[in-house]
Amino acid sequence: MIKKWKVAAFGLIIASFTGYSSSEFLEESPPKADLEVNNHIYEAKVGTYCWNKTCVDAAGPLKLLKTKKYI
């Protein structure tokens, strides 16, 4: 029984190290936000977010989308 716990704990430790080695998590800023509607891609605005130990506060959605056309 104890051997199973040791194997499980070791597996979790290894998974935690390898899970964050992906290049997706090493980017300095979040990925670009796009919307696809009827095979047409629209650029979206990114609001408030926290990414890679950095948090950015943005204006509310009404102000962010003030100059955008409705889809």
N, C-alpha and C. Protein backbone atom coordinates (compact mmCIF):
# COMPACT_ATOMS: atom_id res chain seq x y z
N MET A 1 0.82 -1.19 0.00
CA MET A 1 0.00 0.00 0.00
C MET A 1 0.87 1.25 0.00
N ILE A 2 1.92 1.26 0.82
CA ILE A 2 2.81 2.43 0.89
C ILE A 2 3.56 2.60 -0.43
N LYS A 3 3.91 1.50 -1.07
CA LYS A 3 4.62 1.58 -2.35
C LYS A 3 3.75 2.28 -3.40
N LYS A 4 2.45 1.99 -3.40
CA LYS A 4 1.55 2.63 -4.35
C LYS A 4 1.50 4.14 -4.10
N TRP A 5 1.49 4.56 -2.84
CA TRP A 5 1.49 5.99 -2.52
C TRP A 5 2.78 6.66 -2.98
N LYS A 6 3.91 5.98 -2.81
CA LYS A 6 5.19 6.53 -3.25
C LYS A 6 5.21 6.69 -4.76
N VAL A 7 4.71 5.70 -5.48
CA VAL A 7 4.67 5.77 -6.94
C VAL A 7 3.73 6.89 -7.39
N ALA A 8 2.58 7.01 -6.75
CA ALA A 8 1.63 8.07 -7.09
C ALA A 8 2.21 9.45 -6.81
N ALA A 9 2.88 9.60 -5.66
CA ALA A 9 3.48 10.89 -5.31
C ALA A 9 4.59 11.24 -6.29
N PHE A 10 5.42 10.27 -6.65
CA PHE A 10 6.49 10.51 -7.61
C PHE A 10 5.91 10.90 -8.97
N GLY A 11 4.85 10.24 -9.38
CA GLY A 11 4.20 10.56 -10.65
C GLY A 11 3.65 11.97 -10.67
N LEU A 12 3.05 12.40 -9.56
CA LEU A 12 2.52 13.77 -9.47
C LEU A 12 3.63 14.81 -9.52
N ILE A 13 4.75 14.51 -8.87
CA ILE A 13 5.88 15.44 -8.89
C ILE A 13 6.43 15.58 -10.30
N ILE A 14 6.61 14.48 -10.98
CA ILE A 14 7.12 14.50 -12.36
C ILE A 14 6.12 15.23 -13.27
N ALA A 15 4.83 14.98 -13.11
CA ALA A 15 3.82 15.63 -13.93
C ALA A 15 3.81 17.14 -13.70
N SER A 16 4.04 17.56 -12.47
CA SER A 16 4.04 19.00 -12.19
C SER A 16 5.23 19.69 -12.85
N PHE A 17 6.36 19.02 -12.95
CA PHE A 17 7.52 19.62 -13.61
C PHE A 17 7.36 19.64 -15.13
N THR A 18 6.84 18.60 -15.69
CA THR A 18 6.72 18.53 -17.15
C THR A 18 5.52 19.31 -17.66
N GLY A 19 4.51 19.50 -16.83
CA GLY A 19 3.31 20.20 -17.28
C GLY A 19 3.55 21.66 -17.60
N TYR A 20 4.50 22.30 -16.94
CA TYR A 20 4.77 23.71 -17.17
C TYR A 20 5.94 23.96 -18.11
N SER A 21 6.48 22.92 -18.70
CA SER A 21 7.60 23.12 -19.61
C SER A 21 7.15 23.41 -21.02
N SER A 22 5.85 23.38 -21.27
CA SER A 22 5.33 23.68 -22.58
C SER A 22 5.63 25.12 -22.96
N SER A 23 5.96 25.37 -24.21
CA SER A 23 6.28 26.73 -24.65
C SER A 23 5.07 27.64 -24.55
N GLU A 24 3.87 27.09 -24.52
CA GLU A 24 2.65 27.89 -24.38
C GLU A 24 2.68 28.69 -23.08
N PHE A 25 3.24 28.12 -22.03
CA PHE A 25 3.27 28.78 -20.73
C PHE A 25 4.47 29.70 -20.59
N LEU A 26 5.41 29.65 -21.51
CA LEU A 26 6.59 30.46 -21.42
C LEU A 26 6.47 31.77 -22.18
N GLU A 27 5.37 31.99 -22.89
CA GLU A 27 5.17 33.23 -23.63
C GLU A 27 5.03 34.39 -22.66
N GLU A 28 5.50 35.57 -23.08
CA GLU A 28 5.45 36.73 -22.20
C GLU A 28 4.07 37.36 -22.14
N SER A 29 3.27 37.21 -23.18
CA SER A 29 1.92 37.78 -23.18
C SER A 29 0.93 36.70 -23.61
N PRO A 30 -0.35 36.88 -23.27
CA PRO A 30 -1.33 35.85 -23.62
C PRO A 30 -1.52 35.75 -25.13
N PRO A 31 -2.03 34.63 -25.60
CA PRO A 31 -2.26 34.47 -27.04
C PRO A 31 -3.29 35.48 -27.54
N LYS A 32 -3.21 35.79 -28.81
CA LYS A 32 -4.14 36.71 -29.45
C LYS A 32 -5.54 36.11 -29.42
N ALA A 33 -6.53 36.95 -29.19
CA ALA A 33 -7.91 36.48 -29.13
C ALA A 33 -8.60 36.73 -30.47
N ASP A 34 -9.09 35.69 -31.09
CA ASP A 34 -9.81 35.79 -32.35
C ASP A 34 -11.13 35.05 -32.24
N LEU A 35 -12.11 35.51 -32.99
CA LEU A 35 -13.41 34.84 -33.08
C LEU A 35 -13.62 34.39 -34.52
N GLU A 36 -14.13 33.19 -34.69
CA GLU A 36 -14.44 32.71 -36.03
C GLU A 36 -15.95 32.54 -36.15
N VAL A 37 -16.53 33.24 -37.13
CA VAL A 37 -17.97 33.19 -37.38
C VAL A 37 -18.17 32.99 -38.86
N ASN A 38 -18.86 31.91 -39.23
CA ASN A 38 -19.12 31.60 -40.64
C ASN A 38 -17.86 31.66 -41.48
N ASN A 39 -16.81 31.00 -41.03
CA ASN A 39 -15.52 30.92 -41.72
C ASN A 39 -14.85 32.27 -41.91
N HIS A 40 -15.21 33.27 -41.14
CA HIS A 40 -14.55 34.57 -41.16
C HIS A 40 -13.96 34.82 -39.78
N ILE A 41 -12.70 35.26 -39.74
CA ILE A 41 -12.03 35.47 -38.46
C ILE A 41 -12.05 36.95 -38.11
N TYR A 42 -12.50 37.25 -36.89
CA TYR A 42 -12.55 38.61 -36.37
C TYR A 42 -11.57 38.74 -35.22
N GLU A 43 -10.83 39.84 -35.19
CA GLU A 43 -9.92 40.08 -34.09
C GLU A 43 -10.72 40.56 -32.88
N ALA A 44 -10.45 39.98 -31.74
CA ALA A 44 -11.16 40.35 -30.51
C ALA A 44 -10.21 41.12 -29.60
N LYS A 45 -10.78 41.85 -28.67
CA LYS A 45 -9.99 42.59 -27.68
C LYS A 45 -9.77 41.70 -26.47
N VAL A 46 -8.61 41.81 -25.87
CA VAL A 46 -8.31 41.09 -24.64
C VAL A 46 -8.50 42.07 -23.49
N GLY A 47 -9.35 41.69 -22.54
CA GLY A 47 -9.63 42.55 -21.39
C GLY A 47 -8.63 42.29 -20.27
N THR A 48 -9.08 42.41 -19.06
CA THR A 48 -8.25 42.19 -17.89
C THR A 48 -7.78 40.73 -17.86
N TYR A 49 -6.48 40.53 -17.55
CA TYR A 49 -5.96 39.17 -17.49
C TYR A 49 -4.75 39.11 -16.56
N CYS A 50 -4.43 37.90 -16.12
CA CYS A 50 -3.18 37.61 -15.42
C CYS A 50 -2.48 36.52 -16.23
N TRP A 51 -1.21 36.75 -16.54
CA TRP A 51 -0.47 35.82 -17.39
C TRP A 51 0.99 35.83 -16.95
N ASN A 52 1.51 34.66 -16.68
CA ASN A 52 2.93 34.51 -16.37
C ASN A 52 3.36 35.45 -15.24
N LYS A 53 2.64 35.44 -14.14
CA LYS A 53 2.90 36.24 -12.94
C LYS A 53 2.74 37.74 -13.16
N THR A 54 2.07 38.16 -14.22
CA THR A 54 1.81 39.57 -14.49
C THR A 54 0.31 39.75 -14.69
N CYS A 55 -0.27 40.74 -14.01
CA CYS A 55 -1.69 41.04 -14.17
C CYS A 55 -1.85 42.39 -14.86
N VAL A 56 -2.79 42.46 -15.80
CA VAL A 56 -3.07 43.68 -16.54
C VAL A 56 -4.55 44.00 -16.37
N ASP A 57 -4.82 45.23 -15.98
CA ASP A 57 -6.21 45.66 -15.82
C ASP A 57 -6.58 46.50 -17.03
N ALA A 58 -7.70 46.18 -17.66
CA ALA A 58 -8.15 46.89 -18.86
C ALA A 58 -9.47 47.60 -18.57
N ALA A 59 -9.85 48.47 -19.48
CA ALA A 59 -11.13 49.15 -19.37
C ALA A 59 -12.26 48.13 -19.44
N GLY A 60 -13.44 48.53 -19.05
CA GLY A 60 -14.59 47.64 -19.12
C GLY A 60 -14.95 47.30 -20.55
N PRO A 61 -15.78 46.29 -20.75
CA PRO A 61 -16.11 45.82 -22.09
C PRO A 61 -16.76 46.89 -22.97
N LEU A 62 -17.58 47.75 -22.40
CA LEU A 62 -18.22 48.79 -23.21
C LEU A 62 -17.20 49.77 -23.78
N LYS A 63 -16.20 50.13 -22.99
CA LYS A 63 -15.17 51.03 -23.48
C LYS A 63 -14.23 50.33 -24.46
N LEU A 64 -13.90 49.07 -24.19
CA LEU A 64 -13.01 48.33 -25.09
C LEU A 64 -13.63 48.16 -26.47
N LEU A 65 -14.93 47.97 -26.51
CA LEU A 65 -15.61 47.66 -27.78
C LEU A 65 -16.31 48.87 -28.39
N LYS A 66 -16.06 50.04 -27.85
CA LYS A 66 -16.74 51.25 -28.31
C LYS A 66 -16.54 51.51 -29.81
N THR A 67 -15.35 51.25 -30.33
CA THR A 67 -15.04 51.51 -31.74
C THR A 67 -15.24 50.30 -32.63
N LYS A 68 -15.65 49.19 -32.09
CA LYS A 68 -15.84 47.96 -32.88
C LYS A 68 -17.26 47.84 -33.40
N LYS A 69 -17.38 47.24 -34.61
CA LYS A 69 -18.71 46.94 -35.15
C LYS A 69 -19.21 45.64 -34.55
N TYR A 70 -20.53 45.52 -34.41
CA TYR A 70 -21.12 44.27 -33.92
C TYR A 70 -20.99 43.20 -34.99
N ILE A 71 -20.79 41.99 -34.55
CA ILE A 71 -20.69 40.86 -35.49
C ILE A 71 -22.06 40.28 -35.68
